[in-house]
Amino acid sequence: MIKIVETVIYKFSIPMHPFTIATGKMNFAQNTLIKIITDQELIGLGECSAFPMIVGETQNTCFEMAKDFAAVWKGKNAEAIDERMKELHAFTAFNSTIKSAFEMALFDITAKAANVPLYKFLGGEKKALETDLTIGLGSPDEMARQAIEFVRKGVRILKIKLGKNAKDDIERVKKIRENVDKNIQLRVDANQGWNFNEAVTVLNAIHEFDIQFCEQPLRAWDDPLLPDLKKQSAIPIMADESVWDHHDADRLIRANACSYVNIKFAKSGGILEATRINQVCEELNVQCMMGGMLESRLALSAFAHFATVHPNIKFYDMDTCMLGHKIDPIVGGVTYNNFFIEIPETPGHGAEVDEDFLSNCSSVRI
């Protein structure tokens, strides 16, 4: 037994350039860092990034809930991950974002105890992980200029944020395609920004620009409309905000409402439920993407370990720390090699945090 003796909770705020999507703008990364200390000198780190307009959690709610979670776990076995997570789910419903940070810290501890990288602890092998790079919402010309800059840096897959004014969205994609080589892969994400008619109009209009798929065209409450949209759209639909757990994935896929599913720990609550989502998708022949919010390379390291374990995860939107973060406070962890993600062989997820950065973060010990 590896006993949890103390948990330190940090408001892990990372300054960033403003990032805009259809549902709102983020001016800093509202992240929370969890450090779980054990009686065997093993320390586990977990991170989450609150995205209020999607998950309904803020940095402040994560910080407050984390105090209660830490108290629930104090003195208990860090290796019994399933049991520990059941305790959190019994304590409070939802709050998947902050739950994912606690679970990540436990997986970090247990993989370190086994002295293996997290991907090996999860029973997987490495594979190539090439991430896209996301262009936030702006004017068509601004987004085209951003696309040109990204391609000059070596990006081969561009993710385009849409969902604000159907006519402008068509122009956004048109301008970007006109300014990048045809070999550059384009995918779009409306973040629930369209109604049904707008989605049909935009998706069929941009089909000529060779779009790989569209993420979450409609509000999650419009899920019953997705099967009809999927039939009418010339572009495959990927469910994101509509899939929080494996029950959602099963429901949508059986309704023929989507072609792909985006997995995010901030929605699933972490690796355990993300594994169940992927399992359902794989059984029903639907491929997945590994995504994130605005996490640093710490959480992204855990994402990469998880993604490389599962052959059914075919797409990678793992650019979170490149979306305008002004500071990289992470030591170790995954690195980028021309937008291919390289996973370290160090035990656990392999990422630590610069102590000087942490010293300036608000924190509490439980």
Protein backbone atom coordinates (compact mmCIF):
# COMPACT_ATOMS: atom_id res chain seq x y z
CA MET A 1 0.00 0.00 0.00
CA ILE A 2 1.19 3.48 -0.92
CA LYS A 3 -0.54 5.84 1.51
CA ILE A 4 -1.52 9.40 0.62
CA VAL A 5 -0.22 11.68 3.39
CA GLU A 6 -0.69 15.16 1.91
CA THR A 7 -2.07 16.94 -1.15
CA VAL A 8 -0.90 20.36 -2.30
CA ILE A 9 -3.30 22.28 -4.55
CA TYR A 10 -2.07 25.12 -6.76
CA LYS A 11 -3.81 27.76 -8.85
CA PHE A 12 -1.61 26.98 -11.82
CA SER A 13 -2.31 30.13 -13.86
CA ILE A 14 -0.38 30.36 -17.11
CA PRO A 15 -0.34 33.73 -18.90
CA MET A 16 -1.30 33.54 -22.54
CA HIS A 17 -2.33 35.54 -25.55
CA PRO A 18 -6.15 35.69 -25.78
CA PHE A 19 -7.66 32.61 -27.45
CA THR A 20 -11.15 32.83 -28.96
CA ILE A 21 -13.66 30.13 -29.87
CA ALA A 22 -17.37 30.31 -30.72
CA THR A 23 -18.50 30.17 -27.09
CA GLY A 24 -16.05 32.71 -25.63
CA LYS A 25 -12.53 34.04 -25.08
CA MET A 26 -9.84 32.86 -22.65
CA ASN A 27 -7.27 35.42 -21.48
CA PHE A 28 -5.22 33.02 -19.34
CA ALA A 29 -5.07 29.27 -18.82
CA GLN A 30 -7.28 28.58 -15.78
CA ASN A 31 -5.32 25.54 -14.69
CA THR A 32 -5.09 23.69 -11.38
CA LEU A 33 -2.12 21.57 -10.32
CA ILE A 34 -2.45 18.70 -7.87
CA LYS A 35 0.62 17.33 -6.03
CA ILE A 36 -0.08 14.15 -4.08
CA ILE A 37 2.62 13.19 -1.55
CA THR A 38 2.86 9.63 -0.24
CA ASP A 39 4.50 7.83 2.67
CA GLN A 40 6.98 6.20 0.29
CA GLU A 41 8.43 9.48 -0.99
CA LEU A 42 6.59 9.06 -4.29
CA ILE A 43 4.96 12.23 -5.55
CA GLY A 44 2.28 12.31 -8.21
CA LEU A 45 1.41 15.36 -10.28
CA GLY A 46 -1.86 16.02 -12.06
CA GLU A 47 -3.15 19.03 -13.97
CA CYS A 48 -6.44 20.18 -15.37
CA SER A 49 -7.53 23.23 -17.34
CA ALA A 50 -10.94 24.70 -16.57
CA PHE A 51 -12.85 25.90 -19.63
CA PRO A 52 -15.98 27.44 -18.08
CA MET A 53 -17.99 27.93 -21.26
CA ILE A 54 -17.73 24.21 -22.04
CA VAL A 55 -17.33 22.25 -18.80
CA GLY A 56 -18.97 24.65 -16.33
CA GLU A 57 -15.94 24.69 -14.05
CA THR A 58 -13.59 27.57 -13.29
CA GLN A 59 -10.20 27.67 -11.66
CA ASN A 60 -11.87 28.79 -8.45
CA THR A 61 -14.41 25.96 -8.41
CA CYS A 62 -11.63 23.46 -9.16
CA PHE A 63 -9.54 24.86 -6.31
CA GLU A 64 -12.40 24.64 -3.80
CA MET A 65 -13.52 21.16 -4.85
CA ALA A 66 -9.90 20.00 -4.72
CA LYS A 67 -9.78 20.78 -0.99
CA ASP A 68 -12.69 18.42 -0.36
CA PHE A 69 -11.28 15.73 -2.66
CA ALA A 70 -7.92 15.87 -0.88
CA ALA A 71 -9.62 15.41 2.48
CA VAL A 72 -11.58 12.40 1.18
CA TRP A 73 -8.36 10.71 0.02
CA LYS A 74 -6.05 11.52 2.92
CA GLY A 75 -4.57 8.40 4.48
CA LYS A 76 -5.82 6.09 1.73
CA ASN A 77 -4.14 3.84 -0.81
CA ALA A 78 -2.88 5.70 -3.89
CA GLU A 79 -2.63 2.49 -5.91
CA ALA A 80 -6.37 1.72 -5.67
CA ILE A 81 -7.23 4.16 -8.43
CA ASP A 82 -10.65 2.78 -9.32
CA GLU A 83 -11.70 2.81 -5.67
CA ARG A 84 -10.40 6.33 -5.13
CA MET A 85 -12.29 7.65 -8.16
CA LYS A 86 -15.52 5.95 -7.06
CA GLU A 87 -15.16 7.90 -3.81
CA LEU A 88 -14.96 11.19 -5.70
CA HIS A 89 -17.95 10.30 -7.87
CA ALA A 90 -19.93 9.38 -4.74
CA PHE A 91 -18.88 12.62 -3.05
CA THR A 92 -20.08 14.85 -5.89
CA ALA A 93 -21.54 14.52 -9.35
CA PHE A 94 -19.92 16.08 -12.44
CA ASN A 95 -16.77 18.22 -11.81
CA SER A 96 -14.94 16.03 -14.31
CA THR A 97 -12.18 18.56 -14.92
CA ILE A 98 -10.78 18.68 -11.38
CA LYS A 99 -11.39 14.94 -10.96
CA SER A 100 -9.11 14.31 -13.95
CA ALA A 101 -6.21 16.11 -12.24
CA PHE A 102 -6.53 13.93 -9.12
CA GLU A 103 -6.72 10.75 -11.17
CA MET A 104 -3.71 11.80 -13.25
CA ALA A 105 -1.64 12.24 -10.09
CA LEU A 106 -2.52 8.70 -8.97
CA PHE A 107 -1.53 7.20 -12.31
CA ASP A 108 1.73 9.14 -12.08
CA ILE A 109 2.39 7.61 -8.64
CA THR A 110 1.52 4.04 -9.60
CA ALA A 111 3.62 4.12 -12.78
CA LYS A 112 6.53 5.56 -10.78
CA ALA A 113 6.09 2.80 -8.21
CA ALA A 114 6.35 0.27 -11.05
CA ASN A 115 9.38 2.22 -12.37
CA VAL A 116 7.96 2.41 -15.90
CA PRO A 117 6.67 5.16 -18.19
CA LEU A 118 2.91 5.61 -18.00
CA TYR A 119 2.31 4.20 -21.47
CA LYS A 120 4.01 0.94 -20.47
CA PHE A 121 2.08 0.86 -17.20
CA LEU A 122 -1.11 1.13 -19.28
CA GLY A 123 0.05 -1.79 -21.41
CA GLY A 124 0.83 0.02 -24.65
CA GLU A 125 3.59 0.78 -27.10
CA LYS A 126 4.70 3.98 -28.77
CA LYS A 127 3.30 5.15 -32.11
CA ALA A 128 3.61 8.32 -34.17
CA LEU A 129 1.59 11.21 -32.74
CA GLU A 130 1.38 14.17 -35.11
CA THR A 131 -0.61 17.04 -33.68
CA ASP A 132 -2.55 19.72 -35.49
CA LEU A 133 -2.22 23.38 -34.57
CA THR A 134 -5.36 25.41 -33.91
CA ILE A 135 -6.25 28.76 -35.44
CA GLY A 136 -8.50 30.73 -33.07
CA LEU A 137 -11.46 32.75 -34.28
CA GLY A 138 -10.71 36.04 -36.01
CA SER A 139 -11.42 37.76 -39.29
CA PRO A 140 -10.88 35.68 -42.45
CA ASP A 141 -7.73 37.65 -43.29
CA GLU A 142 -6.33 37.34 -39.75
CA MET A 143 -6.90 33.59 -39.74
CA ALA A 144 -5.34 33.20 -43.18
CA ARG A 145 -2.24 35.06 -42.00
CA GLN A 146 -2.07 32.77 -38.96
CA ALA A 147 -2.33 29.72 -41.22
CA ILE A 148 0.56 30.94 -43.37
CA GLU A 149 2.68 31.52 -40.25
CA PHE A 150 1.88 28.07 -38.86
CA VAL A 151 2.73 26.32 -42.13
CA ARG A 152 6.06 28.17 -42.26
CA LYS A 153 6.81 26.63 -38.87
CA GLY A 154 6.28 23.15 -40.27
CA VAL A 155 2.64 22.47 -39.38
CA ARG A 156 0.98 19.94 -41.71
CA ILE A 157 -2.46 19.78 -40.05
CA LEU A 158 -4.49 22.91 -39.30
CA LYS A 159 -7.54 23.00 -37.06
CA ILE A 160 -9.78 25.97 -37.82
CA LYS A 161 -12.12 27.41 -35.20
CA LEU A 162 -15.50 28.41 -36.63
CA GLY A 163 -19.03 28.98 -35.30
CA LYS A 164 -19.45 32.75 -35.60
CA ASN A 165 -21.59 33.83 -38.56
CA ALA A 166 -22.05 31.19 -41.25
CA LYS A 167 -21.14 33.48 -44.14
CA ASP A 168 -17.91 34.56 -42.45
CA ASP A 169 -17.09 30.96 -41.54
CA ILE A 170 -17.21 29.94 -45.19
CA GLU A 171 -14.94 32.84 -46.05
CA ARG A 172 -12.55 31.91 -43.22
CA VAL A 173 -12.02 28.42 -44.62
CA LYS A 174 -11.86 29.68 -48.22
CA LYS A 175 -9.15 32.23 -47.37
CA ILE A 176 -7.09 29.69 -45.47
CA ARG A 177 -7.26 27.10 -48.24
CA GLU A 178 -6.27 29.73 -50.81
CA ASN A 179 -3.16 30.53 -48.79
CA VAL A 180 -1.86 27.08 -47.89
CA ASP A 181 -0.71 24.17 -50.04
CA LYS A 182 -3.28 21.53 -50.95
CA ASN A 183 -1.20 18.97 -49.03
CA ILE A 184 -1.94 20.77 -45.75
CA GLN A 185 -4.74 18.91 -43.96
CA LEU A 186 -7.63 21.08 -42.76
CA ARG A 187 -10.14 20.22 -40.06
CA VAL A 188 -12.72 22.55 -38.52
CA ASP A 189 -14.35 22.98 -35.10
CA ALA A 190 -17.57 24.96 -34.59
CA ASN A 191 -17.67 24.50 -30.79
CA GLN A 192 -21.49 24.28 -30.86
CA GLY A 193 -21.73 27.62 -32.66
CA TRP A 194 -24.24 26.82 -35.42
CA ASN A 195 -27.92 26.00 -35.63
CA PHE A 196 -28.97 23.13 -37.90
CA ASN A 197 -29.49 25.18 -41.07
CA GLU A 198 -26.24 27.07 -40.62
CA ALA A 199 -24.37 23.79 -40.14
CA VAL A 200 -25.80 22.30 -43.34
CA THR A 201 -24.98 25.46 -45.28
CA VAL A 202 -21.41 25.84 -44.04
CA LEU A 203 -20.42 22.17 -44.15
CA ASN A 204 -21.60 21.68 -47.71
CA ALA A 205 -20.09 25.00 -48.82
CA ILE A 206 -16.61 24.23 -47.44
CA HIS A 207 -16.55 20.62 -48.66
CA GLU A 208 -14.72 21.75 -51.82
CA PHE A 209 -11.77 22.87 -49.66
CA ASP A 210 -10.98 19.26 -48.65
CA ILE A 211 -11.98 19.25 -44.97
CA GLN A 212 -11.14 16.14 -42.97
CA PHE A 213 -13.99 16.51 -40.44
CA CYS A 214 -15.99 19.01 -38.40
CA GLU A 215 -16.06 18.93 -34.62
CA GLN A 216 -19.25 19.64 -32.70
CA PRO A 217 -21.31 21.68 -35.20
CA LEU A 218 -24.42 21.91 -32.96
CA ARG A 219 -25.21 22.54 -29.30
CA ALA A 220 -25.14 19.37 -27.24
CA TRP A 221 -28.87 19.75 -26.57
CA ASP A 222 -29.37 19.42 -30.33
CA ASP A 223 -27.97 15.88 -30.37
CA PRO A 224 -31.27 14.52 -31.76
CA LEU A 225 -30.59 16.57 -34.91
CA LEU A 226 -27.14 15.09 -35.50
CA PRO A 227 -28.25 11.97 -37.42
CA ASP A 228 -30.04 14.14 -39.98
CA LEU A 229 -27.10 16.55 -40.16
CA LYS A 230 -24.72 13.65 -40.68
CA LYS A 231 -26.84 12.50 -43.64
CA GLN A 232 -26.95 15.97 -45.20
CA SER A 233 -23.33 16.95 -44.55
CA ALA A 234 -20.63 16.31 -47.13
CA ILE A 235 -18.09 16.43 -44.27
CA PRO A 236 -17.80 13.81 -41.48
CA ILE A 237 -18.99 14.89 -38.02
CA MET A 238 -16.89 14.47 -34.87
CA ALA A 239 -18.69 14.61 -31.51
CA ASP A 240 -16.89 16.56 -28.80
CA GLU A 241 -19.02 18.45 -26.26
CA SER A 242 -21.76 15.86 -26.83
CA VAL A 243 -19.60 13.03 -25.43
CA TRP A 244 -18.66 13.20 -21.76
CA ASP A 245 -18.68 9.48 -20.97
CA HIS A 246 -19.02 6.08 -22.61
CA HIS A 247 -22.81 6.21 -22.31
CA ASP A 248 -22.84 9.33 -24.51
CA ALA A 249 -20.54 7.67 -27.02
CA ASP A 250 -22.71 4.57 -27.21
CA ARG A 251 -25.90 6.62 -27.58
CA LEU A 252 -24.60 8.85 -30.38
CA ILE A 253 -22.87 6.14 -32.37
CA ARG A 254 -25.88 3.83 -32.27
CA ALA A 255 -28.03 6.76 -33.44
CA ASN A 256 -25.65 7.22 -36.40
CA ALA A 257 -25.05 10.77 -35.19
CA CYS A 258 -21.29 11.03 -35.70
CA SER A 259 -18.35 9.52 -37.56
CA TYR A 260 -15.70 10.24 -34.90
CA VAL A 261 -15.42 11.09 -31.19
CA ASN A 262 -13.08 13.52 -29.42
CA ILE A 263 -11.80 12.29 -26.04
CA LYS A 264 -10.71 14.85 -23.43
CA PHE A 265 -9.81 14.15 -19.82
CA ALA A 266 -11.50 17.42 -18.79
CA LYS A 267 -14.79 15.88 -19.95
CA SER A 268 -14.27 12.21 -19.05
CA GLY A 269 -12.72 12.81 -15.64
CA GLY A 270 -9.50 11.06 -16.59
CA ILE A 271 -7.95 7.90 -17.96
CA LEU A 272 -10.40 5.34 -16.54
CA GLU A 273 -13.49 6.78 -18.24
CA ALA A 274 -11.53 7.83 -21.33
CA THR A 275 -10.58 4.17 -21.70
CA ARG A 276 -14.25 3.17 -21.55
CA ILE A 277 -15.16 5.77 -24.17
CA ASN A 278 -12.48 4.51 -26.52
CA GLN A 279 -13.52 0.91 -25.92
CA VAL A 280 -17.13 1.65 -26.90
CA CYS A 281 -15.98 3.54 -29.98
CA GLU A 282 -13.62 0.77 -31.03
CA GLU A 283 -16.33 -1.87 -30.60
CA LEU A 284 -18.67 0.20 -32.78
CA ASN A 285 -15.99 0.98 -35.40
CA VAL A 286 -15.67 4.69 -34.67
CA GLN A 287 -12.20 6.21 -34.46
CA CYS A 288 -11.25 8.78 -31.85
CA MET A 289 -9.19 11.93 -31.43
CA MET A 290 -7.16 12.87 -28.35
CA GLY A 291 -7.88 16.48 -27.44
CA GLY A 292 -7.45 18.94 -24.60
CA MET A 293 -8.30 22.38 -23.26
CA LEU A 294 -5.45 24.79 -22.42
CA GLU A 295 -3.23 22.50 -20.38
CA SER A 296 0.53 22.78 -20.04
CA ARG A 297 2.96 20.09 -21.16
CA LEU A 298 2.35 18.28 -17.87
CA ALA A 299 -1.21 17.21 -18.63
CA LEU A 300 -0.32 16.93 -22.29
CA SER A 301 2.31 14.36 -21.35
CA ALA A 302 -0.40 12.23 -19.76
CA PHE A 303 -2.58 12.71 -22.87
CA ALA A 304 0.25 11.47 -25.07
CA HIS A 305 0.90 8.40 -22.94
CA PHE A 306 -2.81 7.54 -23.12
CA ALA A 307 -3.14 8.21 -26.85
CA THR A 308 -0.16 6.08 -27.80
CA VAL A 309 -1.64 3.08 -25.97
CA HIS A 310 -4.83 2.95 -28.04
CA PRO A 311 -4.67 2.12 -31.78
CA ASN A 312 -8.25 3.38 -32.19
CA ILE A 313 -7.13 6.93 -31.38
CA LYS A 314 -6.11 8.12 -34.85
CA PHE A 315 -6.23 11.93 -34.60
CA TYR A 316 -4.28 14.20 -32.27
CA ASP A 317 -5.29 17.71 -31.23
CA MET A 318 -2.51 18.05 -28.70
CA ASP A 319 -1.38 21.61 -29.22
CA THR A 320 -2.75 23.02 -25.97
CA CYS A 321 0.51 24.47 -24.65
CA MET A 322 1.23 26.08 -28.03
CA LEU A 323 -2.05 28.03 -28.07
CA GLY A 324 -0.55 31.30 -26.93
CA HIS A 325 1.07 30.21 -23.65
CA LYS A 326 3.66 32.87 -22.84
CA ILE A 327 5.50 30.66 -20.34
CA ASP A 328 6.38 26.96 -20.29
CA PRO A 329 6.72 26.07 -16.58
CA ILE A 330 7.28 22.35 -17.20
CA VAL A 331 10.53 20.42 -16.77
CA GLY A 332 10.79 17.14 -18.66
CA GLY A 333 7.64 15.67 -20.19
CA VAL A 334 6.78 15.36 -23.84
CA THR A 335 8.59 17.38 -26.49
CA TYR A 336 7.73 18.40 -30.03
CA ASN A 337 9.74 17.35 -33.06
CA ASN A 338 8.23 19.16 -36.06
CA PHE A 339 4.78 18.73 -34.46
CA PHE A 340 5.35 15.06 -33.77
CA ILE A 341 5.05 14.42 -30.03
CA GLU A 342 7.89 12.50 -28.40
CA ILE A 343 7.17 10.67 -25.14
CA PRO A 344 9.89 10.39 -22.48
CA GLU A 345 11.00 7.06 -21.04
CA THR A 346 11.10 8.36 -17.46
CA PRO A 347 8.78 6.70 -14.91
CA GLY A 348 5.24 8.10 -14.66
CA HIS A 349 4.12 10.68 -17.17
CA GLY A 350 7.59 12.19 -16.99
CA ALA A 351 6.69 15.85 -16.37
CA GLU A 352 7.66 18.01 -13.40
CA VAL A 353 7.08 21.70 -12.65
CA ASP A 354 9.63 24.46 -12.26
CA GLU A 355 9.71 25.25 -8.53
CA ASP A 356 10.33 28.96 -9.10
CA PHE A 357 7.09 29.16 -11.09
CA LEU A 358 5.20 27.23 -8.40
CA SER A 359 6.47 29.55 -5.67
CA ASN A 360 4.40 32.35 -7.21
CA CYS A 361 1.20 30.29 -7.42
CA SER A 362 -1.50 30.44 -4.76
CA SER A 363 -1.64 27.10 -2.95
CA VAL A 364 -3.07 25.18 -0.02
CA ARG A 365 -1.97 21.97 1.73
CA ILE A 366 -4.47 19.35 2.87
